C-alpha cells in the first residue's frame, strides 16, 4: 500500500487537537522522545509509514508549546495563525525556490513583492522602500542592515575621492584605506545581541558596537549629546552606523521618544554621513495598534521609524507566521545589490524588472517561500484584524504589569523615575520583574517553569536576576490568561523546597 501524505496530515491534525495547553511537555515525555531517536543510520530504511508513526507518536510529545499553548511567554515567540499554517503546508507541498524573478515561470516572486508592500502599508512606512526582502529572522535582517550601512558610509567617502567601486568590489580593508577611514563604529543603546553578531559577520567586529544609553534609569534611550559627540569624530576618519531599537529585548522600550527625536537623529546622521538603522524585531508593530487613546502613548513613541535608512522586523513574533521569517526594508535597492549581487552567473539572470531577484538582495541564494504565510495573514485579517490581535497582546502585558506593580512580593522593573504615573501606558508586549525576597530571586524562573503551565525567560536587570514575560501569540485571551498567570505567580511565592 502506497504511503499516504493526506492520512499523515489527518493524524497530525487529530494529534494537535488533543494536545494540552501546557507551555512545556512533562519531563518524562522529553526523556521518552529522546530515547526513541535512532542511534545510527539504518542499513535498510524502516519505511515511510513507520517513520511517520515514529514522528507523530514518539517525537512530537517532546516538543514545547509555542504553537500549541497560549501561555508560552519565553524569548519573544509567536504562535502560528491557522491560515499561516495552511500557507506553510502549501509552501512545503509546492517547494518553490524563491531566488530568481522569473515572471513567466512562477508567481512566487510576485507574491513576495505584494507581501512586502502590504507589510510596509501595515507599518505605515510609506512607499519609498525599493529594497525589501524576507530573511530567516531579525538576525539576518540586522546583518543586511549593517552590511548596507557599511557599504553606504564607505562608498560616500570613496566617491569624494573619485573611486566608483565600494566594499562589495574592493573588500573592507582596501575600501577603508582608499576612503581614509580609520575606524567604523555602531552607535546604539542596549542593542540586541544580534547587532554584535552582525557586526562580527560584516567584518566590523563586536568591539565596534558602542553603547551610548542615556542613564542607568533609562538605559534603552539613546543619549543625543553623546550621539553627536561620537558622530563628530567623522572629521577624524571615524565613520558611523547608528542602530536604534524599536523595542528593546528586556523592556520593550524604544531608543527614541517618537518622531521629534527621530528627526533629530536623522538630521545628525545626514550632517555627519552616518547610516541610520532601526531594529524593530520586538516593537515594530506598535505602529499598527488601534488608533485609540489606550494606545496613544505607544503609537506616539514608535513614530518616526520611516526616517531610517534601513529597518529590521520579524514575522515569527507578533505577526504569528511560522519560523523562520524576518523582513528587511531599505530605501536603496542599489546599496543592497552592491553587497549581495551574484556576478558572473548567467544561469541566475532574470533580465530587467521592477522586481529584483531575491538572491541579489539578500544573504541566501536558495530561499524558502517565506512570503506566502505572511501574504496569507495580511490578506485574511487585514489592518483591522491584526491591530486587534496586537491590542490583545498589549492588554495582557499591561494586565500582568498592573498585577506585579501592586503585588507585595514582586517588583516591576524598568520603570523610569519620571514615569510612575504613566508606566503602564508605555508597556508594549514585554514585562520584566523579579521577586522582592532575595532568597526567591534566583529560583523564580525555575519555579514558574516547573509548573509546565506557563513558560517565562530568565534575564538580568541591573546585574541581578530577573524574569521576563513576552506576549506575542495570537491565542491571547486576556481574562483567561491573566487569571492563570496571577494564580501561578501567587503560588510560586509560597513554594518551599
Foldseek 3Di string as FASTA:
>chain_A
DDDDPVVLVVLVVVLLVPDDQFQAADPVLLVQLVVLDDPDDDPDDPDDVVVSCNCRPRHVSHDGDQARHQFAFAQQFAYAPPLLVVLVVVLVVVVDFQFFDAPVPDCLLVLLVVLVVLVCVLLVLDDLFLQKDKDQFLLQQLLLQVLLQQFQLLCVLLVVVVDNATCQPPNNVVSLVSSVAPAEAEEAFLDDVSNQVSCVVNPRHSVRYDHQADDLLGRLAHDLVVVLVVLVCLVVRYAYEYEWECQRRAFGFTRFQAQVVLVSVLVSCVVSVGAYEYEDAAHSSLCLADPDPLQVRSNRRNHNNSSGQKYKYACRGQVNRDGGIIMMTGSDQPSQLSNQPDPPDVVRDRDDDSRGRNSSRGDDSGDRSSSRSSSSSCVVQPSVNSNVLQVLLLLLQLLVQVLQVPDPFKDWDSDRPVAPPCPSSRGGRKTKIATPDPVCRVCVQVQLCVVSRHHWDWDDRPRGIIIMGGRRYSPRDRVVNSVVVSVSVVVSVVDDD
